[in-house]
Amino acid sequence: MTSLSEIMIYNKTFVEEKKYEEFSTTKFPNKRIVILTCMDTRLIELLPKAMNLKNGDAKIIKSAGAIITSPFGGLMRSILVAVYELQADEVYVIGHHDCGMSSINTDHIIGNMIERGVDPNMFKTLKYSGIDMEKWLHGFSDVTESVKKSVDAIRNHPLIPTDVNVHGLVIDPGNGKLDIIEDGYKAQEVSQ
């Protein structure tokens, strides 16, 4: 049985038994926060529990490493929509220890791409089209510095209102302990 078949069989029962009712909420985050965090599987349930969040409390955006790579890319667009359309007034960037993006090897990934059927000549085409694969796939060596960079990119974005608090945290995926890297409230006080 495929994973899709398993999901669809379970989903049929989920809907028929009205298990969705306990998750009923609106599209607006109850705690008025948006979280940018990593897509790491260890954080799916751990992060909300470690932050005392339940369904409906926050907008959660997931991306490899919680890295803002482009000031006008999809992640920033999602944050801006959460702020301007969905009533979020705080942003949390939450990285984690032992992140796969901290040990990423571009050559290894490209090798895997070729092994799975991507034409090696495609990388020449991308290079001549202005795509720097090393830069595009680059991770980070220090999660704390990576979180600070993403916080800085959001906080100083020309379309983020100055009254939006932007926080940076790092979570331990083993026990859920959160460490504050950037306190958005303190940054607000300094800028006023």
Protein backbone atom coordinates (compact mmCIF):
# COMPACT_ATOMS: atom_id res chain seq x y z
CA MET A 1 0.00 0.00 0.00
CA THR A 2 1.31 3.46 -0.87
CA SER A 3 1.54 6.33 1.61
CA LEU A 4 -1.13 8.18 -0.40
CA SER A 5 -3.51 5.20 -0.10
CA GLU A 6 -2.89 4.99 3.65
CA ILE A 7 -3.54 8.72 4.05
CA MET A 8 -6.76 8.58 2.03
CA ILE A 9 -8.11 5.57 3.93
CA TYR A 10 -7.38 7.26 7.25
CA ASN A 11 -8.82 10.57 6.02
CA LYS A 12 -12.12 8.96 5.05
CA THR A 13 -12.54 7.69 8.61
CA PHE A 14 -11.32 10.99 10.08
CA VAL A 15 -14.04 12.90 8.21
CA GLU A 16 -16.80 10.31 8.72
CA GLU A 17 -16.16 10.21 12.47
CA LYS A 18 -15.98 14.03 12.61
CA LYS A 19 -12.57 13.97 14.30
CA TYR A 20 -11.94 17.38 12.72
CA GLU A 21 -14.36 19.07 15.12
CA GLU A 22 -11.77 19.34 17.92
CA PHE A 23 -9.55 21.38 15.59
CA SER A 24 -12.20 23.91 14.56
CA THR A 25 -10.90 27.48 14.54
CA THR A 26 -10.71 30.52 12.27
CA LYS A 27 -7.99 31.57 9.84
CA PHE A 28 -6.83 34.29 12.24
CA PRO A 29 -4.14 33.31 14.77
CA ASN A 30 -5.53 33.52 18.31
CA LYS A 31 -2.16 34.57 19.74
CA ARG A 32 -1.55 36.93 16.79
CA ILE A 33 1.83 35.39 15.98
CA VAL A 34 3.48 34.01 12.90
CA ILE A 35 6.32 31.53 13.26
CA LEU A 36 9.02 30.83 10.69
CA THR A 37 10.68 27.55 11.58
CA CYS A 38 12.42 24.59 10.03
CA MET A 39 10.67 21.74 8.26
CA ASP A 40 12.47 19.22 10.51
CA THR A 41 10.23 16.27 11.35
CA ARG A 42 11.17 16.46 15.04
CA LEU A 43 9.44 19.84 15.31
CA ILE A 44 6.01 18.91 13.94
CA GLU A 45 4.48 18.28 17.38
CA LEU A 46 7.36 19.27 19.66
CA LEU A 47 7.56 22.96 18.73
CA PRO A 48 3.87 23.80 19.31
CA LYS A 49 3.87 21.85 22.59
CA ALA A 50 7.10 23.52 23.75
CA MET A 51 5.48 26.91 23.06
CA ASN A 52 2.08 26.00 24.56
CA LEU A 53 0.34 26.43 21.20
CA LYS A 54 -2.80 24.69 20.12
CA ASN A 55 -4.57 24.58 16.78
CA GLY A 56 -5.52 28.11 15.76
CA ASP A 57 -2.96 29.94 17.93
CA ALA A 58 -0.33 30.76 15.30
CA LYS A 59 0.51 30.85 11.63
CA ILE A 60 3.41 28.44 11.12
CA ILE A 61 5.63 28.70 8.05
CA LYS A 62 8.13 25.91 7.51
CA SER A 63 11.23 25.97 5.36
CA ALA A 64 14.60 24.24 5.34
CA GLY A 65 16.59 25.93 8.10
CA ALA A 66 14.08 28.78 8.66
CA ILE A 67 16.31 30.88 6.43
CA ILE A 68 15.10 34.03 4.68
CA THR A 69 17.04 33.81 1.42
CA SER A 70 15.20 36.46 -0.55
CA PRO A 71 13.60 39.65 0.76
CA PHE A 72 10.81 39.26 -1.79
CA GLY A 73 10.52 35.47 -1.87
CA GLY A 74 7.68 33.23 -0.76
CA LEU A 75 8.62 33.18 2.92
CA MET A 76 8.59 36.96 3.25
CA ARG A 77 5.35 37.12 1.27
CA SER A 78 3.75 34.68 3.73
CA ILE A 79 4.94 36.73 6.72
CA LEU A 80 3.60 39.93 5.17
CA VAL A 81 0.22 38.32 4.45
CA ALA A 82 0.06 37.09 8.07
CA VAL A 83 0.79 40.61 9.33
CA TYR A 84 -1.40 42.63 6.97
CA GLU A 85 -4.30 40.26 6.32
CA LEU A 86 -4.42 37.77 9.17
CA GLN A 87 -3.86 39.99 12.23
CA ALA A 88 -0.42 38.71 13.28
CA ASP A 89 1.60 41.36 15.08
CA GLU A 90 4.62 39.34 16.19
CA VAL A 91 7.04 37.18 14.23
CA TYR A 92 9.09 34.34 15.70
CA VAL A 93 12.05 32.89 13.78
CA ILE A 94 12.86 29.55 15.38
CA GLY A 95 15.89 27.57 14.32
CA HIS A 96 17.05 24.36 15.96
CA HIS A 97 20.19 22.54 16.97
CA ASP A 98 21.34 19.63 14.79
CA CYS A 99 19.73 21.14 11.68
CA GLY A 100 20.35 19.46 8.34
CA MET A 101 21.02 22.89 6.81
CA SER A 102 24.06 23.26 9.06
CA SER A 103 25.87 20.45 7.30
CA ILE A 104 24.59 20.85 3.76
CA ASN A 105 27.03 20.00 0.99
CA THR A 106 26.01 21.48 -2.35
CA ASP A 107 28.21 19.11 -4.37
CA HIS A 108 26.62 16.14 -2.60
CA ILE A 109 23.11 17.41 -3.34
CA ILE A 110 23.98 18.04 -6.99
CA GLY A 111 25.44 14.53 -7.15
CA ASN A 112 22.17 13.15 -5.79
CA MET A 113 20.24 15.19 -8.36
CA ILE A 114 22.31 13.74 -11.20
CA GLU A 115 21.98 10.25 -9.75
CA ARG A 116 18.18 10.66 -9.75
CA GLY A 117 18.06 11.76 -13.37
CA VAL A 118 18.80 15.49 -13.64
CA ASP A 119 20.92 16.09 -16.74
CA PRO A 120 24.41 17.28 -15.65
CA ASN A 121 24.29 19.87 -18.45
CA MET A 122 21.38 21.51 -16.62
CA PHE A 123 23.86 22.90 -14.08
CA LYS A 124 25.79 24.65 -16.86
CA THR A 125 22.53 26.14 -18.11
CA LEU A 126 21.65 27.31 -14.61
CA LYS A 127 25.11 28.84 -14.16
CA TYR A 128 24.85 30.76 -17.44
CA SER A 129 21.35 31.88 -16.41
CA GLY A 130 22.79 33.55 -13.32
CA ILE A 131 21.94 30.83 -10.79
CA ASP A 132 24.75 30.17 -8.32
CA MET A 133 23.87 26.71 -7.01
CA GLU A 134 26.39 27.01 -4.17
CA LYS A 135 24.78 30.21 -2.95
CA TRP A 136 21.21 29.05 -3.62
CA LEU A 137 21.56 25.77 -1.70
CA HIS A 138 23.92 27.13 0.94
CA GLY A 139 23.08 26.37 4.55
CA PHE A 140 24.77 27.75 7.64
CA SER A 141 27.45 26.78 10.12
CA ASP A 142 25.99 28.46 13.22
CA VAL A 143 22.26 28.26 13.97
CA THR A 144 22.41 31.29 16.25
CA GLU A 145 23.90 33.47 13.52
CA SER A 146 21.44 32.08 10.98
CA VAL A 147 18.48 33.00 13.21
CA LYS A 148 19.93 36.49 13.75
CA LYS A 149 20.25 36.98 9.97
CA SER A 150 16.65 35.94 9.33
CA VAL A 151 15.39 38.15 12.19
CA ASP A 152 17.37 41.06 10.78
CA ALA A 153 16.00 40.45 7.26
CA ILE A 154 12.42 40.52 8.58
CA ARG A 155 12.84 43.35 11.08
CA ASN A 156 14.47 45.62 8.49
CA HIS A 157 12.25 44.68 5.58
CA PRO A 158 10.84 47.84 3.98
CA LEU A 159 7.27 46.49 4.18
CA ILE A 160 7.28 45.30 7.81
CA PRO A 161 5.65 47.83 10.14
CA THR A 162 7.94 49.12 12.88
CA ASP A 163 5.46 48.05 15.58
CA VAL A 164 5.83 44.34 14.69
CA ASN A 165 8.04 42.55 17.21
CA VAL A 166 10.44 40.08 15.60
CA HIS A 167 11.93 37.45 17.91
CA GLY A 168 14.63 34.85 17.31
CA LEU A 169 14.81 31.56 19.19
CA VAL A 170 16.59 28.24 18.94
CA ILE A 171 14.93 25.01 20.06
CA ASP A 172 16.61 21.80 21.14
CA PRO A 173 14.87 19.06 19.11
CA GLY A 174 15.72 16.53 21.81
CA ASN A 175 13.91 18.14 24.73
CA GLY A 176 12.07 21.22 23.43
CA LYS A 177 14.12 23.76 25.38
CA LEU A 178 13.91 27.22 23.79
CA ASP A 179 16.71 29.78 23.98
CA ILE A 180 16.12 33.43 23.14
CA ILE A 181 18.57 34.74 20.55
CA GLU A 182 16.78 38.01 19.71
CA ASP A 183 14.14 39.56 21.99
CA GLY A 184 11.87 41.62 19.75
CA TYR A 185 10.49 43.59 22.69
CA LYS A 186 13.94 44.79 23.67
CA ALA A 187 14.73 45.68 20.07
CA GLN A 188 11.50 47.73 19.97
CA GLU A 189 12.52 49.61 23.11
CA VAL A 190 15.93 50.43 21.65
CA SER A 191 14.43 51.73 18.38
CA GLN A 192 11.95 54.03 20.14
